[in-house]
Protein backbone atom coordinates (compact mmCIF):
# COMPACT_ATOMS: atom_id res chain seq x y z
CA MET A 1 47.84 30.15 60.92
CA ASN A 2 47.41 32.81 63.39
CA VAL A 3 43.53 32.17 63.05
CA PHE A 4 43.03 34.14 65.88
CA ARG A 5 44.59 37.55 64.67
CA ASP A 6 41.98 39.55 63.89
CA MET A 7 39.71 39.00 66.54
CA ILE A 8 41.29 39.31 69.26
CA ASN A 9 44.66 41.18 68.28
CA GLN A 10 43.29 44.03 66.80
CA SER A 11 46.61 46.35 66.41
CA LYS A 12 47.00 42.95 63.59
CA LYS A 13 46.22 43.79 60.14
CA GLU A 14 46.62 40.28 58.81
CA ASN A 15 43.54 38.89 56.51
CA LEU A 16 42.62 36.41 58.66
CA ALA A 17 40.62 34.82 55.16
CA LYS A 18 43.87 33.74 53.60
CA GLN A 19 45.41 32.35 56.58
CA ASN A 20 45.74 28.27 56.14
CA ILE A 21 43.10 27.05 58.59
CA PRO A 22 42.79 23.28 58.05
CA GLN A 23 40.41 21.84 55.74
CA GLN A 24 38.43 20.00 58.27
CA ARG A 25 38.13 19.80 61.96
CA ASN A 26 39.29 15.47 61.36
CA TRP A 27 36.98 14.86 64.54
CA SER A 28 36.13 11.59 63.22
CA ALA A 29 39.44 9.21 64.35
CA GLY A 30 39.06 7.86 61.18
CA SER A 31 38.83 10.98 58.91
CA THR A 32 41.65 11.89 56.31
CA SER A 33 44.40 13.69 57.41
CA ARG A 34 45.00 17.79 57.58
CA THR A 35 48.20 19.01 55.39
CA ALA A 36 51.09 19.09 57.81
CA GLY A 37 53.30 21.90 58.30
CA ALA A 38 52.81 24.70 60.62
CA CYS A 39 50.17 22.81 62.86
CA SER A 40 52.66 22.87 65.78
CA GLU A 41 52.97 26.96 65.41
CA VAL A 42 49.53 27.52 66.27
CA LEU A 43 49.35 27.28 69.98
CA GLU A 44 52.56 29.02 69.95
CA ASN A 45 50.53 32.10 67.93
CA MET A 46 47.55 31.79 70.62
CA GLU A 47 49.87 33.24 73.12
CA SER A 48 50.91 36.53 71.45
CA LEU A 49 47.68 37.11 70.00
CA LEU A 50 45.75 36.65 73.41
CA GLY A 51 48.84 38.41 75.71
CA VAL A 52 48.94 35.39 77.96
CA SER A 53 51.60 32.29 77.98
CA MET A 54 49.81 29.16 77.15
CA VAL A 55 51.73 27.81 79.68
CA GLU A 56 51.73 27.98 83.49
CA HIS A 57 53.83 31.46 84.98
CA ALA A 58 54.49 32.69 87.42
CA SER A 59 51.76 35.21 89.19
CA GLU A 60 53.47 39.00 90.24
CA PRO A 61 52.98 40.80 93.32
CA SER A 62 50.43 43.31 93.00
CA GLN A 63 51.70 46.92 93.84
CA ILE A 64 49.75 50.19 95.33
CA PRO A 65 51.19 53.63 94.47
CA CYS A 66 51.23 55.33 97.35
CA SER A 67 49.37 57.75 95.46
CA GLN A 68 46.13 55.61 95.88
CA ILE A 69 46.15 55.49 99.71
CA GLY A 70 45.73 59.80 99.36
CA CYS A 71 49.53 60.53 100.02
CA ASN A 72 49.35 63.92 98.84
CA GLU A 73 49.74 66.94 100.42
CA LYS A 74 47.08 69.45 98.36
CA MET A 75 44.58 66.47 99.64
CA SER A 76 42.31 67.42 102.79
CA THR A 77 42.61 65.24 106.12
CA ALA A 78 39.13 64.18 105.72
CA SER A 79 39.73 62.81 101.99
CA VAL A 80 42.72 60.99 102.95
CA SER A 81 40.93 59.77 105.83
CA ARG A 82 38.25 58.75 103.77
CA GLN A 83 40.44 56.71 101.11
CA LEU A 84 42.46 54.88 104.30
CA GLU A 85 39.03 53.68 105.77
CA LYS A 86 38.20 52.66 102.16
CA CYS A 87 41.51 50.67 101.46
CA ILE A 88 41.45 48.88 105.00
CA GLY A 89 37.51 47.94 104.02
CA ASN A 90 38.15 46.38 100.59
CA PHE A 91 41.35 44.27 102.03
CA PHE A 92 38.63 42.87 104.48
CA TYR A 93 36.01 42.47 102.19
CA GLU A 94 38.03 41.02 99.15
CA THR A 95 40.34 38.63 101.10
CA GLY A 96 37.41 37.36 103.19
CA VAL A 97 39.67 37.53 106.06
CA ASP A 98 37.87 37.62 109.76
CA LEU A 99 36.55 41.01 110.45
CA SER A 100 37.81 40.81 114.15
CA ALA A 101 41.58 41.01 113.27
CA ALA A 102 40.25 44.55 113.18
CA ASN A 103 40.83 44.55 116.81
CA SER A 104 43.68 43.12 117.15
CA PRO A 105 46.52 45.72 118.77
CA SER A 106 48.94 44.65 115.62
CA PHE A 107 46.60 45.36 113.24
CA LYS A 108 46.08 48.82 114.42
CA LYS A 109 49.81 49.18 115.11
CA LEU A 110 50.22 48.52 111.90
CA ILE A 111 47.76 50.95 110.41
CA GLY A 112 48.95 53.61 112.89
CA LEU A 113 52.79 53.19 111.72
CA THR A 114 51.11 53.16 107.63
CA ILE A 115 49.41 56.24 108.21
CA GLY A 116 52.60 57.63 109.82
CA LEU A 117 54.50 57.33 106.56
CA ALA A 118 51.69 58.90 104.67
CA GLY A 119 52.13 62.48 107.26
CA PRO A 120 50.14 64.00 109.88
CA VAL A 121 46.78 62.36 109.78
CA GLU A 122 44.25 62.12 112.15
CA TYR A 123 42.63 59.24 111.63
CA LYS A 124 40.65 56.44 113.93
CA ILE A 125 41.14 53.18 112.84
CA PRO A 126 38.07 50.84 111.80
CA ASP A 127 37.44 48.07 114.39
CA TYR A 128 34.98 45.46 113.62
CA LYS A 129 31.73 47.19 114.60
CA ASP A 130 32.59 49.61 111.68
CA LEU A 131 33.51 47.07 109.40
CA ASN A 132 30.81 44.90 110.01
CA GLY A 133 27.92 47.93 109.73
CA ARG A 134 28.50 51.15 108.43
CA MET A 135 30.97 50.01 106.28
CA LEU A 136 29.85 46.67 105.16
CA ARG A 137 26.42 48.75 104.22
CA ASP A 138 28.08 51.39 102.05
CA GLN A 139 29.98 48.42 100.36
CA VAL A 140 26.72 46.73 100.10
CA LYS A 141 25.39 49.80 97.96
CA GLU A 142 28.29 50.32 95.94
CA MET A 143 28.61 46.78 95.25
CA LYS A 144 24.69 46.48 94.02
CA GLU A 145 25.42 49.80 91.54
CA TYR A 146 28.10 47.34 90.20
CA VAL A 147 26.24 44.85 90.14
CA ASN A 148 23.27 46.45 88.34
CA LYS A 149 25.33 48.13 85.30
CA ILE A 150 26.34 43.92 84.98
CA LYS A 151 23.23 42.93 84.98
CA SER A 152 21.72 45.87 82.54
CA SER A 153 24.01 44.14 79.47
CA TRP A 154 22.38 41.20 79.49
CA ALA A 155 19.52 42.31 77.43
CA ILE A 156 22.22 42.89 74.60
CA THR A 157 24.97 40.31 75.21
CA GLY A 158 22.62 37.32 76.94
CA CYS A 159 24.35 35.54 79.58
CA SER A 160 26.05 32.27 80.90
CA ILE A 161 24.80 30.71 84.67
CA LEU A 162 27.97 29.07 85.71
CA LEU A 163 27.25 26.50 88.51
CA ASP A 164 30.14 25.99 90.78
CA GLY A 165 29.19 22.80 92.97
CA TRP A 166 31.41 20.63 95.91
CA THR A 167 30.68 18.78 98.89
CA GLY A 168 32.25 19.81 101.96
CA LYS A 169 33.74 18.30 105.21
CA MET A 170 30.87 17.27 106.34
CA GLY A 171 29.17 15.92 103.71
CA ARG A 172 27.39 18.72 102.92
CA ASN A 173 26.21 19.48 99.14
CA PHE A 174 26.79 23.44 97.95
CA ILE A 175 26.90 25.26 94.88
CA ASN A 176 27.58 28.98 94.24
CA ILE A 177 26.06 30.73 91.47
CA LEU A 178 27.66 33.08 89.02
CA VAL A 179 26.25 34.63 86.11
CA ASP A 180 29.13 35.32 83.47
CA CYS A 181 28.81 38.08 80.62
CA PRO A 182 31.34 40.41 78.31
CA GLU A 183 30.68 43.04 80.90
CA GLY A 184 32.49 40.55 83.88
CA PRO A 185 30.91 37.51 85.97
CA ILE A 186 29.03 38.00 89.04
CA TYR A 187 27.96 36.22 92.26
CA LEU A 188 24.16 35.98 92.80
CA HIS A 189 23.97 33.03 95.50
CA SER A 190 24.82 30.40 97.29
CA PHE A 191 23.09 27.23 97.89
CA ASP A 192 22.93 24.06 100.64
CA ILE A 193 21.07 21.83 97.97
CA SER A 194 21.87 18.41 100.44
CA PRO A 195 18.06 17.95 101.26
CA PHE A 196 16.97 17.64 97.42
CA VAL A 197 20.51 16.53 95.62
CA GLY A 198 19.26 13.42 95.14
CA ASP A 199 15.51 14.74 93.72
CA ILE A 200 16.16 15.55 90.04
CA GLU A 201 12.66 17.01 90.21
CA CYS A 202 13.43 19.58 92.78
CA LEU A 203 17.01 20.19 91.12
CA ASN A 204 15.16 21.15 87.58
CA TRP A 205 12.62 23.51 89.24
CA PHE A 206 15.84 24.86 91.51
CA LEU A 207 17.28 26.05 88.17
CA ASP A 208 13.52 27.11 86.87
CA ILE A 209 13.89 29.95 89.79
CA ILE A 210 17.58 30.80 88.82
CA ILE A 211 16.99 31.32 85.27
CA GLU A 212 13.60 33.17 85.98
CA GLU A 213 15.74 35.12 88.74
CA VAL A 214 18.13 36.32 85.73
CA GLY A 215 15.72 36.46 83.09
CA VAL A 216 15.01 33.65 80.49
CA ASP A 217 14.99 35.96 77.64
CA ASN A 218 18.54 36.65 79.04
CA VAL A 219 19.93 33.07 79.42
CA VAL A 220 21.92 31.89 76.82
CA GLN A 221 23.64 28.96 78.40
CA ILE A 222 24.24 27.06 81.73
CA VAL A 223 27.56 25.85 82.57
CA ALA A 224 28.09 22.73 84.49
CA HIS A 225 31.14 22.38 86.68
CA SER A 226 31.47 18.89 86.45
CA THR A 227 30.14 15.40 84.46
CA ALA A 228 29.32 12.88 87.95
CA GLY A 229 26.47 12.51 90.32
CA TRP A 230 23.43 15.00 90.36
CA VAL A 231 24.99 17.23 87.64
CA GLU A 232 25.19 14.59 85.09
CA ALA A 233 21.48 13.53 86.03
CA VAL A 234 20.33 16.93 85.78
CA GLY A 235 22.11 17.66 82.19
CA LYS A 236 20.18 14.90 80.31
CA GLN A 237 17.03 16.41 81.38
CA PHE A 238 17.91 19.84 80.60
CA MET A 239 17.65 20.31 77.22
CA ASP A 240 14.16 18.99 77.01
CA ARG A 241 12.70 20.19 79.75
CA PHE A 242 14.32 24.06 78.86
CA LYS A 243 13.47 24.48 75.44
CA ARG A 244 15.20 27.90 75.37
CA VAL A 245 18.31 27.19 77.22
CA PHE A 246 21.81 25.27 76.50
CA TRP A 247 23.06 23.11 78.62
CA THR A 248 27.04 22.66 78.41
CA VAL A 249 29.87 21.78 80.66
CA SER A 250 32.98 23.72 81.46
CA ALA A 251 35.68 22.92 78.75
CA SER A 252 38.45 23.32 81.13
CA HIS A 253 36.49 20.39 83.58
CA CYS A 254 36.56 18.39 80.61
CA ILE A 255 40.20 18.72 79.22
CA ASP A 256 41.26 18.10 82.94
CA LEU A 257 39.35 14.68 82.15
CA MET A 258 41.04 14.19 79.16
CA LEU A 259 44.61 14.89 80.82
CA GLU A 260 43.49 12.63 84.18
CA LYS A 261 42.56 9.78 81.74
CA ILE A 262 45.89 10.06 79.28
CA GLY A 263 47.43 10.08 82.67
CA LEU A 264 46.01 6.63 83.35
CA MET A 265 47.10 5.15 79.92
CA ALA A 266 50.17 2.57 80.85
CA SER A 267 52.60 3.90 79.44
CA ILE A 268 51.92 7.97 80.34
CA ARG A 269 51.57 6.18 83.97
CA GLU A 270 55.21 4.30 83.93
CA VAL A 271 56.55 7.59 82.73
CA LEU A 272 54.91 10.11 85.49
CA ASP A 273 55.79 7.30 88.53
CA LYS A 274 59.32 7.21 87.48
CA ALA A 275 59.53 11.01 87.32
CA LYS A 276 57.59 11.03 90.99
CA THR A 277 60.89 9.10 92.06
CA ILE A 278 63.26 11.67 90.78
CA THR A 279 61.31 14.21 92.53
CA LYS A 280 61.00 12.68 95.86
CA LEU A 281 64.34 11.77 96.00
CA ILE A 282 65.63 15.64 95.25
CA HIS A 283 62.96 17.16 98.22
CA SER A 284 63.75 14.51 100.38
CA SER A 285 67.15 16.26 101.07
CA ALA A 286 67.89 20.10 101.28
CA GLU A 287 71.75 18.77 100.53
CA VAL A 288 70.20 17.47 97.49
CA LEU A 289 68.36 20.09 96.73
CA GLU A 290 70.78 22.32 96.95
CA LEU A 291 72.38 20.30 94.89
CA LEU A 292 70.09 20.30 92.24
CA LYS A 293 69.67 23.89 91.63
CA LYS A 294 73.77 24.50 91.76
CA HIS A 295 73.30 22.64 88.50
CA THR A 296 69.85 24.07 87.51
CA ARG A 297 71.26 27.71 88.11
CA GLY A 298 68.42 28.32 90.72
CA CYS A 299 65.39 26.53 89.38
CA ASP A 300 63.37 23.85 90.74
CA ILE A 301 61.67 21.30 88.87
CA VAL A 302 58.50 20.74 91.11
CA LYS A 303 56.77 23.77 90.80
CA PRO A 304 53.13 24.83 91.91
CA SER A 305 50.27 25.40 89.29
CA LYS A 306 46.64 26.83 89.93
CA ILE A 307 45.87 23.81 86.70
CA LYS A 308 45.92 20.70 89.06
CA SER A 309 45.36 18.55 86.25
CA ALA A 310 48.18 20.27 84.02
CA MET A 311 50.69 19.93 87.12
CA PRO A 312 52.02 16.32 86.15
CA PHE A 313 52.79 17.07 82.84
CA LEU A 314 54.36 20.69 83.44
CA ILE A 315 56.82 18.75 86.19
CA LEU A 316 57.42 16.44 83.52
CA GLN A 317 58.65 18.96 81.37
CA ASN A 318 60.85 20.92 83.99
CA ILE A 319 62.29 17.63 84.02
CA MET A 320 63.03 17.19 80.40
CA GLN A 321 64.17 20.82 80.12
CA GLU A 322 66.61 19.74 82.96
CA LYS A 323 67.75 16.70 81.27
CA GLN A 324 71.61 17.51 80.62
CA ASN A 325 71.42 19.56 84.28
CA LEU A 326 70.37 16.38 86.23
CA LYS A 327 72.80 14.44 84.46
CA ASP A 328 75.32 16.14 84.96
CA MET A 329 74.71 16.61 88.75
CA PHE A 330 74.07 12.57 89.19
CA GLY A 331 77.42 12.63 87.62
CA SER A 332 79.12 15.08 90.03
CA SER A 333 81.64 14.46 92.35
CA GLU A 334 79.13 16.10 94.86
CA TRP A 335 77.02 13.23 94.37
CA LYS A 336 78.83 10.16 94.38
CA THR A 337 80.85 11.51 97.59
CA SER A 338 76.86 11.75 99.07
CA ASN A 339 75.41 9.28 101.40
CA TRP A 340 72.62 9.14 98.80
CA ALA A 341 75.03 7.63 96.33
CA TYR A 342 75.06 4.70 98.27
CA GLN A 343 71.62 4.41 99.18
CA GLU A 344 68.90 2.10 97.00
CA LYS A 345 66.82 5.06 96.67
CA GLY A 346 69.55 6.62 95.41
CA LYS A 347 71.17 4.31 93.20
CA ARG A 348 67.91 3.75 91.55
CA VAL A 349 67.41 7.55 90.58
CA ASP A 350 71.05 7.54 89.54
CA GLU A 351 69.94 5.15 87.08
CA LEU A 352 66.86 6.01 85.87
CA VAL A 353 68.27 9.78 85.35
CA GLN A 354 70.82 7.87 82.96
CA ASP A 355 68.26 5.47 81.54
CA HIS A 356 67.68 6.67 77.90
CA TYR A 357 64.22 4.77 77.59
CA PHE A 358 62.82 6.99 80.32
CA TRP A 359 63.35 9.98 78.12
CA ILE A 360 61.82 8.79 74.94
CA GLY A 361 59.51 7.61 77.64
CA ALA A 362 58.70 11.42 78.64
CA GLU A 363 59.21 13.12 75.51
CA MET A 364 56.55 10.71 74.00
CA ALA A 365 53.96 11.83 77.80
CA LEU A 366 54.80 15.61 76.47
CA LYS A 367 53.83 14.96 73.00
CA ALA A 368 50.67 14.23 73.62
CA THR A 369 49.53 16.16 76.81
CA MET A 370 51.37 19.54 76.03
CA PRO A 371 48.52 20.54 73.64
CA LEU A 372 46.25 20.02 75.95
CA VAL A 373 47.63 21.35 78.73
CA ARG A 374 48.65 24.72 76.82
CA VAL A 375 44.84 25.19 75.39
CA LEU A 376 43.78 24.70 79.13
CA ASN A 377 46.13 27.35 80.50
CA LEU A 378 44.67 29.68 77.77
CA ILE A 379 41.08 29.00 78.92
CA PHE A 380 42.07 30.35 82.13
CA GLU A 381 44.28 33.05 81.48
CA THR A 382 42.10 34.68 78.69
CA ASP A 383 38.68 36.77 79.26
CA LYS A 384 38.00 36.50 76.03
CA PRO A 385 34.74 34.90 75.05
CA LEU A 386 35.55 31.42 73.52
CA VAL A 387 32.25 29.94 72.04
CA GLY A 388 33.45 31.15 69.08
CA LEU A 389 36.85 29.63 69.05
CA ILE A 390 36.89 26.38 71.02
CA TYR A 391 36.08 24.02 67.66
CA GLU A 392 38.64 25.40 66.15
CA ILE A 393 41.60 25.62 69.41
CA MET A 394 40.56 22.06 70.58
CA ASP A 395 41.11 20.91 66.21
CA GLN A 396 44.39 22.65 66.07
CA ALA A 397 45.50 20.82 69.80
CA LYS A 398 44.77 17.45 68.12
CA GLU A 399 46.75 18.47 64.85
CA THR A 400 49.29 19.29 66.85
CA ILE A 401 49.57 16.02 68.33
CA ARG A 402 49.20 14.48 65.13
CA GLU A 403 52.26 16.26 63.82
CA GLU A 404 54.54 15.42 66.84
CA PHE A 405 53.95 11.82 66.40
CA GLN A 406 55.19 12.73 62.35
CA ASN A 407 51.55 11.37 61.20
CA GLU A 408 52.07 8.29 62.80
CA SER A 409 48.65 7.02 63.44
CA ALA A 410 49.81 4.13 65.78
CA GLN A 411 50.93 6.67 68.06
CA TYR A 412 48.83 9.77 67.87
CA MET A 413 45.21 7.73 67.55
CA PRO A 414 44.99 6.33 71.05
CA PHE A 415 44.89 9.98 72.29
CA TRP A 416 42.75 11.18 69.39
CA LEU A 417 40.46 8.58 70.59
CA LEU A 418 40.14 9.37 73.81
CA ILE A 419 39.95 12.98 73.23
CA ASP A 420 37.18 12.88 70.53
CA GLU A 421 35.12 10.29 73.20
CA ILE A 422 35.32 13.32 75.65
CA TRP A 423 34.77 15.71 73.30
CA ASN A 424 31.66 13.79 71.62
CA ASN A 425 30.16 13.12 75.20
CA LYS A 426 31.02 15.79 77.53
CA LEU A 427 32.57 18.80 76.06
CA HIS A 428 30.64 19.47 72.64
CA SER A 429 27.41 21.57 72.26
CA PRO A 430 25.29 22.54 69.48
CA ILE A 431 26.21 26.44 70.61
CA HIS A 432 30.00 25.85 69.95
CA GLY A 433 28.56 24.80 66.18
CA ALA A 434 27.06 27.75 65.74
CA GLY A 435 30.06 30.15 67.22
CA TYR A 436 32.64 28.34 64.98
CA TYR A 437 30.38 29.24 61.67
CA LEU A 438 29.39 32.70 63.25
CA ASN A 439 32.78 33.65 63.46
CA PRO A 440 33.79 35.87 60.50
CA SER A 441 37.65 35.23 61.05
CA LEU A 442 36.86 31.37 60.34
CA PHE A 443 34.08 31.31 58.54
CA TYR A 444 35.55 33.78 55.40
CA SER A 445 38.78 31.47 55.39
CA SER A 446 39.30 29.67 52.18
CA GLU A 447 39.87 26.78 54.69
CA PHE A 448 36.66 26.57 56.18
CA TYR A 449 34.88 23.58 56.77
CA GLY A 450 31.16 23.40 57.71
CA ASP A 451 30.15 19.64 58.00
CA GLU A 452 26.88 18.20 59.73
CA GLU A 453 27.76 18.72 63.00
CA VAL A 454 28.34 22.75 62.12
CA ALA A 455 25.35 22.92 59.93
CA PHE A 456 23.35 21.27 63.06
CA GLY A 457 24.80 23.61 65.52
CA ILE A 458 23.77 26.98 63.54
CA LEU A 459 19.83 25.31 62.62
CA CYS A 460 19.63 24.15 66.78
CA CYS A 461 20.47 27.60 68.06
CA VAL A 462 18.06 29.15 65.74
CA VAL A 463 15.28 27.03 66.66
CA ARG A 464 15.94 27.09 70.26
CA MET A 465 16.71 30.90 70.58
CA VAL A 466 14.54 32.39 68.20
CA LYS A 467 10.47 32.44 69.50
CA ASP A 468 8.47 32.50 66.80
CA GLN A 469 8.54 31.28 63.01
CA GLU A 470 8.46 34.91 61.04
CA SER A 471 11.95 35.50 62.78
CA GLN A 472 13.12 32.43 62.32
CA ASP A 473 12.70 32.69 58.44
CA LEU A 474 13.94 35.96 58.83
CA LEU A 475 17.04 35.24 60.23
CA THR A 476 17.51 32.01 58.02
CA ARG A 477 17.44 34.25 55.06
CA GLN A 478 20.15 36.67 56.44
CA LEU A 479 22.29 33.62 56.89
CA VAL A 480 22.26 33.09 53.70
CA GLU A 481 23.27 36.51 52.68
CA TYR A 482 25.78 35.92 55.13
CA ARG A 483 26.98 32.63 53.49
CA HIS A 484 27.28 34.35 50.53
CA SER A 485 28.91 37.38 51.04
CA LYS A 486 32.28 36.16 49.95
CA GLY A 487 33.92 38.62 52.32
CA GLY A 488 31.68 41.42 53.20
CA PHE A 489 31.18 39.71 56.94
CA GLY A 490 35.21 38.82 56.72
CA GLU A 491 36.33 41.01 59.33
CA ALA A 492 34.55 40.53 62.85
CA ILE A 493 33.91 44.99 63.12
CA TRP A 494 31.26 43.65 60.83
CA TRP A 495 28.82 42.36 63.40
CA SER A 496 29.20 45.93 64.64
CA ASN A 497 29.78 47.90 61.32
CA TYR A 498 26.05 45.62 59.74
CA GLU A 499 23.45 45.91 62.49
CA LYS A 500 21.37 48.08 60.94
CA GLU A 501 21.58 46.28 57.74
CA TYR A 502 21.06 42.70 59.44
CA PRO A 503 19.75 43.60 62.60
CA GLU A 504 18.23 40.20 63.54
CA LEU A 505 21.37 38.19 62.24
CA HIS A 506 23.66 40.74 64.67
CA LYS A 507 21.46 40.34 67.49
CA PHE A 508 21.70 36.30 67.43
CA ALA A 509 25.51 36.19 66.57
CA ILE A 510 25.95 38.84 68.86
CA ARG A 511 24.32 36.64 71.68
CA ILE A 512 25.98 33.50 70.80
CA LEU A 513 29.77 35.13 70.12
CA SER A 514 29.38 36.56 73.58
CA GLN A 515 29.55 33.09 75.46
CA ASN A 516 32.61 31.87 77.46
CA CYS A 517 33.02 28.20 77.49
CA ASN A 518 34.44 27.75 80.59
CA GLY A 519 32.87 27.84 84.41
CA ALA A 520 33.29 29.06 87.55
CA SER A 521 36.15 27.09 88.79
CA LYS A 522 38.44 29.55 86.66
CA TYR A 523 37.91 32.63 88.96
CA GLY A 524 38.55 30.28 92.30
CA LEU A 525 36.29 31.46 94.69
CA LYS A 526 36.93 30.76 98.67
CA ARG A 527 34.42 28.06 99.04
CA SER A 528 34.79 28.65 102.72
CA ILE A 529 32.69 31.63 103.01
CA ALA A 530 29.28 29.92 101.44
CA GLU A 531 30.04 27.08 104.00
CA ASN A 532 29.72 29.75 107.05
CA LEU A 533 27.40 31.55 105.36
CA LEU A 534 24.98 28.26 105.29
CA VAL A 535 25.52 27.35 108.76
CA ASN A 536 21.57 26.87 110.19
CA GLY A 537 20.74 28.54 113.46
CA ARG A 538 21.36 32.19 113.39
CA ASN A 539 19.96 35.14 113.85
CA PRO A 540 17.96 36.55 111.30
CA ILE A 541 20.26 39.85 111.54
CA LYS A 542 23.76 37.99 111.68
CA GLN A 543 22.48 36.11 108.59
CA GLN A 544 21.89 39.30 106.88
CA ARG A 545 24.87 40.85 107.86
CA LEU A 546 27.29 37.29 106.29
CA LEU A 547 24.93 37.57 102.83
CA ASP A 548 25.87 40.97 102.47
CA PHE A 549 29.59 40.00 103.08
CA ALA A 550 29.59 37.22 100.72
CA LEU A 551 27.44 39.56 98.46
CA VAL A 552 30.78 42.05 99.12
CA HIS A 553 33.47 39.76 98.93
CA TYR A 554 32.75 37.61 95.89
CA ASN A 555 31.63 40.11 93.24
CA SER A 556 34.77 42.16 95.12
CA HIS A 557 36.70 39.04 93.56
CA LEU A 558 35.03 38.44 90.69
CA ARG A 559 35.73 42.16 89.37
CA GLN A 560 39.06 42.23 89.97
CA PHE A 561 39.56 38.91 88.50
CA HIS A 562 37.84 40.69 85.34
CA SER A 563 39.57 43.45 85.77
CA GLY A 564 43.37 41.60 85.41
CA LYS A 565 44.20 41.35 89.25
CA LYS A 566 44.30 37.49 89.27
CA GLY A 567 45.70 36.11 92.82
CA PRO A 568 48.74 34.30 93.58
CA ILE A 569 48.66 30.79 93.53
CA ALA A 570 46.83 29.51 97.26
CA ALA A 571 47.65 26.71 99.50
CA GLU A 572 45.20 24.28 98.03
CA GLU A 573 47.59 24.45 94.92
CA ILE A 574 50.71 23.85 97.07
CA ASP A 575 49.67 20.86 98.94
CA SER A 576 49.04 19.19 95.91
CA LEU A 577 52.76 18.91 94.74
CA ASN A 578 52.72 16.39 98.24
CA GLU A 579 53.06 13.09 95.81
CA TRP A 580 55.77 14.78 93.94
CA ILE A 581 57.78 15.88 96.67
CA THR A 582 57.43 13.45 99.80
CA LEU A 583 59.22 10.40 99.42
CA ASP A 584 57.63 7.19 100.63
CA GLU A 585 58.19 4.94 103.68
């Protein structure tokens, strides 16, 4: 069921039209079953196709070759100095470190020693004034050129406006505006919307201005970060107010909701509470933690994740993988002779690890959630536009859950109903149906199922995205050719090969298939930069410098992310582990 092989991994040559894609998506809880067989392999296949692990993996530290900072004897002193200065500036601008740190004697000593290792170079180490003055101006100029290059692609591929909103410590409502396209995401603005967060008309006017700035003809969709509060209220009116732009909700946020709701189900919550009892006891004592690592060959069962909603189930999976080692640990002489073995909390965990029903419950919880966790990790890790795949990805996740429960409807149906509720009411958009239809890798499969939802999606996109009736009629005729081509359109490369023959359909398809279905959260922008930027009362010169710094910082981060250089797990992700490692009083 390698339905994504030709589209994503072009080195593979399988004919996707012959692959075993399910006959129908079965979104309805009462729909008939898909043929069982290889559904559980689909998410595993996606890992190799997309080049990512769909279960959380550790980030590897990046290493900068010496050559990147000018360690080349043939280079002139001036050239080395320029590269060193640029590297220092990039460090401050990309990380968001306070520029005044450049005046620290320790920083100057560090750079001096580094330069000494690179060879005898006469070099003035930049200070706060340099970083906040001429160096920042140079970076702003360079970054604006990069941003303008990205913007120039919007007319062809279209783009998505990503909303990234949050509430600060003082109760203020902030929002970052990003724009995403295949060439890469860019940061546009930060706003404090607290004064009008309760005024839907003002919020609509605010979005009017953003869409106009990006270009009405360029914007395909707005991807909201949430379904609560003002976001939900605006979303309900948006599609009626803006006739040519779609309102969608971040797929990762919707899958977060699915996992959270599953975690609140009585049977799942009981398993997770018991799992926490195990991890809290182990992490309450260095002696017990050391004993665990002795039996697990140095592995811990509690590890941080960038995807907070997935963390409980990833930890539960770790516990399941170490099942026998945990049993051996609590049956060992080291445990039996320890002080913890005679305490009530220790006895309780010992009994829990030996409890057959706990392991049955843990296995059931993982069957219901790991397919969603793996899809969530896929969404975060891949840089491929997923609008043309989200239907199939979610369908395969559901089918995997069904298979895990051996097609016993009484067991899998509660989870299906919960997933369907969020899909139908939060996640699904007509653009997803159109993307499924216009993805040749799926459409030309013999198992493609074009139901009313898909038909409505493609029709809705034609009406909303194509301006005049004549163009709509022409596009409709080309869609008929697409539908009846019997494989002529069957390779993803068709959209470039057939541009001259079907220009209107080509443009239409490219604009849809170039969009993503995830929001801004995957980029992990540092929100404190925006909050500091939006403090009132500064003089105009200082405020402009902060605006310049935000422009450089955020876009440097996004450029690095798009190039595949993703940062390590941040402190806030580690802090969220507290409920798994802090023993209750």
